[in-house]
N, C-alpha and C. Protein backbone atom coordinates (compact mmCIF):
# COMPACT_ATOMS: atom_id res chain seq x y z
N MET A 1 65.46 84.54 113.84
CA MET A 1 64.38 85.46 113.58
C MET A 1 64.21 85.59 112.12
N PHE A 2 65.17 85.77 111.40
CA PHE A 2 65.05 85.86 109.92
C PHE A 2 64.38 84.68 109.30
N ALA A 3 64.70 83.49 109.73
CA ALA A 3 64.16 82.28 109.19
C ALA A 3 62.59 82.18 109.59
N ALA A 4 62.33 82.55 110.73
CA ALA A 4 60.80 82.67 111.14
C ALA A 4 60.05 83.58 110.27
N ALA A 5 60.60 84.73 109.88
CA ALA A 5 59.94 85.68 109.18
C ALA A 5 59.68 85.09 107.69
N ASN A 6 60.65 84.37 107.19
CA ASN A 6 60.60 83.78 105.92
C ASN A 6 59.52 82.75 105.77
N VAL A 7 59.60 81.92 106.83
CA VAL A 7 58.45 80.91 106.96
C VAL A 7 57.07 81.35 107.04
N ALA A 8 56.98 82.40 107.80
CA ALA A 8 55.57 83.08 107.86
C ALA A 8 55.21 83.72 106.59
N ARG A 9 56.10 84.28 105.84
CA ARG A 9 55.84 84.83 104.53
C ARG A 9 55.55 83.79 103.55
N MET A 10 56.15 82.58 103.62
CA MET A 10 55.86 81.55 102.67
C MET A 10 54.49 80.97 102.95
N HIS A 11 54.14 80.74 104.19
CA HIS A 11 52.82 80.35 104.56
C HIS A 11 51.72 81.19 104.06
N SER A 12 52.00 82.53 104.25
CA SER A 12 51.06 83.51 103.82
C SER A 12 50.92 83.59 102.25
N ALA A 13 51.90 83.36 101.53
CA ALA A 13 51.99 83.38 100.01
C ALA A 13 51.21 82.02 99.68
N ALA A 14 51.37 81.01 100.25
CA ALA A 14 50.78 79.71 99.89
C ALA A 14 49.27 79.70 100.08
N ARG A 15 48.82 80.45 100.96
CA ARG A 15 47.37 80.67 101.23
C ARG A 15 46.70 81.36 100.06
N TYR A 16 47.33 82.23 99.44
CA TYR A 16 46.76 83.03 98.41
C TYR A 16 47.17 82.50 96.98
N SER A 17 47.77 81.34 96.92
CA SER A 17 48.24 80.77 95.64
C SER A 17 46.91 80.42 94.75
N VAL A 18 47.07 80.80 93.47
CA VAL A 18 45.93 80.70 92.55
C VAL A 18 45.86 79.12 92.26
N THR A 19 46.90 78.55 91.86
CA THR A 19 46.74 77.21 91.48
C THR A 19 47.17 76.12 92.62
N LYS A 20 46.45 75.03 92.68
CA LYS A 20 46.67 74.09 93.61
C LYS A 20 47.89 73.25 93.27
N ALA A 21 48.80 72.85 94.16
CA ALA A 21 50.02 72.09 94.02
C ALA A 21 49.50 70.73 93.39
N ARG A 22 50.22 70.29 92.30
CA ARG A 22 49.82 68.97 91.82
C ARG A 22 50.60 67.87 92.55
N ASP A 23 49.88 66.68 92.54
CA ASP A 23 50.63 65.51 93.15
C ASP A 23 51.75 65.05 92.15
N TRP A 24 52.85 64.59 92.77
CA TRP A 24 53.99 64.01 91.95
C TRP A 24 53.53 62.73 91.27
N PRO A 25 53.90 62.39 90.04
CA PRO A 25 53.62 61.08 89.44
C PRO A 25 54.33 60.02 90.37
N ASN A 26 53.78 58.76 90.31
CA ASN A 26 54.28 57.75 91.17
C ASN A 26 55.85 57.58 91.17
N ALA A 27 56.34 57.55 89.93
CA ALA A 27 57.79 57.31 89.86
C ALA A 27 58.61 58.54 90.50
N ALA A 28 58.02 59.65 90.11
CA ALA A 28 58.78 60.90 90.66
C ALA A 28 58.63 61.05 92.15
N ALA A 29 57.48 60.56 92.66
CA ALA A 29 57.42 60.54 94.16
C ALA A 29 58.32 59.67 94.77
N TRP A 30 58.56 58.48 94.25
CA TRP A 30 59.42 57.53 94.74
C TRP A 30 60.88 58.05 94.68
N ALA A 31 61.22 58.72 93.65
CA ALA A 31 62.55 59.24 93.45
C ALA A 31 62.80 60.44 94.45
N ARG A 32 61.70 61.29 94.60
CA ARG A 32 61.77 62.40 95.58
C ARG A 32 62.04 61.82 97.03
N ASP A 33 61.24 60.84 97.34
CA ASP A 33 61.37 60.33 98.76
C ASP A 33 62.73 59.62 99.03
N ASP A 34 63.14 58.86 97.97
CA ASP A 34 64.52 58.27 98.20
C ASP A 34 65.63 59.27 98.19
N ALA A 35 65.47 60.33 97.33
CA ALA A 35 66.51 61.40 97.31
C ALA A 35 66.50 62.08 98.63
N ALA A 36 65.41 62.31 99.17
CA ALA A 36 65.25 62.93 100.49
C ALA A 36 65.93 62.07 101.56
N ALA A 37 65.72 60.76 101.55
CA ALA A 37 66.43 59.90 102.51
C ALA A 37 67.90 59.99 102.41
N GLU A 38 68.42 60.02 101.08
CA GLU A 38 69.85 60.04 100.92
C GLU A 38 70.38 61.38 101.41
N LEU A 39 69.69 62.45 101.20
CA LEU A 39 70.09 63.73 101.66
C LEU A 39 70.18 63.86 103.27
N ILE A 40 69.19 63.23 103.83
CA ILE A 40 69.27 63.04 105.33
C ILE A 40 70.49 62.36 105.71
N ARG A 41 70.91 61.28 105.03
CA ARG A 41 72.04 60.60 105.44
C ARG A 41 73.31 61.43 105.20
N ALA A 42 73.39 62.21 104.25
CA ALA A 42 74.50 63.14 103.93
C ALA A 42 74.52 64.07 105.06
N TYR A 43 73.39 64.67 105.43
CA TYR A 43 73.34 65.65 106.62
C TYR A 43 73.81 65.13 107.91
N ARG A 44 73.34 63.84 108.16
CA ARG A 44 73.85 63.27 109.42
C ARG A 44 75.38 63.00 109.48
N ALA A 45 75.85 62.68 108.31
CA ALA A 45 77.37 62.47 108.26
C ALA A 45 78.10 63.83 108.36
N LEU A 46 77.52 64.93 107.84
CA LEU A 46 78.24 66.27 107.85
C LEU A 46 77.99 67.14 109.10
N ASP A 47 76.89 66.89 109.70
CA ASP A 47 76.45 67.80 110.77
C ASP A 47 77.51 67.87 111.95
N PRO A 48 77.94 66.75 112.44
CA PRO A 48 78.96 66.83 113.53
C PRO A 48 80.25 67.48 113.11
N LEU A 49 80.66 67.36 111.79
CA LEU A 49 81.89 68.09 111.37
C LEU A 49 81.68 69.54 111.33
N VAL A 50 80.54 69.98 110.85
CA VAL A 50 80.28 71.40 110.79
C VAL A 50 80.01 71.97 112.11
N SER A 51 79.40 71.17 112.98
CA SER A 51 79.18 71.76 114.34
C SER A 51 80.36 71.92 115.24
N GLY A 52 81.56 71.38 114.76
CA GLY A 52 82.74 71.64 115.48
C GLY A 52 83.33 70.43 116.23
N GLU A 53 82.61 69.33 116.25
CA GLU A 53 83.26 68.12 116.87
C GLU A 53 84.51 67.78 116.08
N THR A 54 85.34 67.21 116.82
CA THR A 54 86.68 66.84 116.27
C THR A 54 86.75 65.29 116.06
N PHE A 55 87.25 64.88 115.00
CA PHE A 55 87.42 63.45 114.71
C PHE A 55 88.89 63.24 114.09
N ASP A 56 89.32 62.04 114.20
CA ASP A 56 90.62 61.81 113.58
C ASP A 56 90.41 61.82 112.01
N ARG A 57 91.56 61.86 111.34
CA ARG A 57 91.47 61.93 109.86
C ARG A 57 90.64 60.90 109.25
N THR A 58 90.81 59.58 109.68
CA THR A 58 90.07 58.57 109.05
C THR A 58 88.55 58.68 109.23
N GLU A 59 88.03 59.13 110.44
CA GLU A 59 86.66 59.32 110.63
C GLU A 59 86.19 60.51 109.83
N THR A 60 86.92 61.59 109.76
CA THR A 60 86.47 62.66 108.88
C THR A 60 86.41 62.32 107.44
N LEU A 61 87.36 61.53 106.95
CA LEU A 61 87.25 61.08 105.52
C LEU A 61 86.11 60.11 105.30
N ARG A 62 85.89 59.36 106.24
CA ARG A 62 84.72 58.34 106.23
C ARG A 62 83.43 59.11 106.08
N ARG A 63 83.22 60.09 106.94
CA ARG A 63 82.02 60.99 106.93
C ARG A 63 81.87 61.71 105.62
N LEU A 64 82.91 62.18 105.13
CA LEU A 64 82.92 62.96 103.82
C LEU A 64 82.45 62.03 102.67
N ALA A 65 83.04 60.75 102.73
CA ALA A 65 82.71 59.77 101.70
C ALA A 65 81.23 59.37 101.77
N ILE A 66 80.71 59.26 102.96
CA ILE A 66 79.31 58.91 103.09
C ILE A 66 78.44 60.01 102.53
N ALA A 67 78.81 61.30 102.82
CA ALA A 67 78.06 62.42 102.36
C ALA A 67 78.10 62.53 100.79
N MET A 68 79.28 62.41 100.28
CA MET A 68 79.39 62.38 98.77
C MET A 68 78.56 61.32 98.04
N THR A 69 78.74 60.12 98.50
CA THR A 69 77.96 59.06 97.85
C THR A 69 76.40 59.32 98.12
N ALA A 70 76.01 59.77 99.20
CA ALA A 70 74.60 59.99 99.48
C ALA A 70 74.08 61.12 98.42
N VAL A 71 74.85 62.19 98.25
CA VAL A 71 74.47 63.21 97.44
C VAL A 71 74.40 62.67 95.96
N GLN A 72 75.40 61.95 95.59
CA GLN A 72 75.39 61.42 94.22
C GLN A 72 74.25 60.54 93.97
N GLN A 73 73.89 59.66 94.99
CA GLN A 73 72.64 58.79 94.88
C GLN A 73 71.47 59.56 94.78
N ALA A 74 71.35 60.71 95.54
CA ALA A 74 70.06 61.51 95.50
C ALA A 74 70.06 62.11 94.04
N LEU A 75 71.13 62.55 93.46
CA LEU A 75 71.09 63.10 92.15
C LEU A 75 70.65 62.00 91.11
N LEU A 76 71.15 60.83 91.25
CA LEU A 76 70.85 59.84 90.36
C LEU A 76 69.30 59.42 90.41
N TYR A 77 68.70 59.40 91.59
CA TYR A 77 67.36 59.17 91.72
C TYR A 77 66.53 60.11 90.96
N LEU A 78 66.86 61.46 91.17
CA LEU A 78 66.22 62.61 90.52
C LEU A 78 66.35 62.63 89.06
N GLU A 79 67.67 62.40 88.55
CA GLU A 79 67.88 62.33 87.10
C GLU A 79 67.06 61.20 86.40
N ARG A 80 66.87 60.10 87.14
CA ARG A 80 66.10 58.90 86.39
C ARG A 80 64.66 59.36 86.14
N VAL A 81 64.12 60.42 86.80
CA VAL A 81 62.69 60.88 86.57
C VAL A 81 62.68 62.18 85.95
N GLY A 82 63.80 62.48 85.28
CA GLY A 82 63.85 63.73 84.46
C GLY A 82 64.43 65.08 84.93
N ALA A 83 65.00 65.03 86.14
CA ALA A 83 65.63 66.07 86.57
C ALA A 83 66.77 66.59 85.73
N LYS A 84 66.83 67.83 85.36
CA LYS A 84 67.93 68.36 84.48
C LYS A 84 69.09 68.75 85.43
N THR A 85 70.13 67.95 85.44
CA THR A 85 71.27 68.32 86.20
C THR A 85 72.51 68.36 85.40
N ARG A 86 73.47 69.22 85.71
CA ARG A 86 74.78 69.19 85.05
C ARG A 86 75.56 68.14 85.43
N ASN A 87 76.40 67.61 84.57
CA ASN A 87 77.22 66.54 84.86
C ASN A 87 78.28 67.00 85.88
N ILE A 88 78.38 66.39 87.01
CA ILE A 88 79.16 66.81 88.10
C ILE A 88 80.53 66.12 88.07
N GLY A 89 80.73 65.18 87.10
CA GLY A 89 82.03 64.53 87.11
C GLY A 89 82.88 65.22 86.24
């Protein structure tokens, strides 16, 4: 219920926005799309773990490694086009 109220409020606010959203530059759009794909990959690896499915230790570590590398790759894509991120290492 709370999420639905937030979505409705965001749509309402967007309707009254003074400035139109600008298109992303080509390189940034490419980075955004690739970062989103990597984040989907991380989500798919983590979702069964968070949802309560049980896996052996090896499968759990494999899923965590996939998620970590996907998030790192997403950060790299965004940093290449100017995103200001703190060093996570």
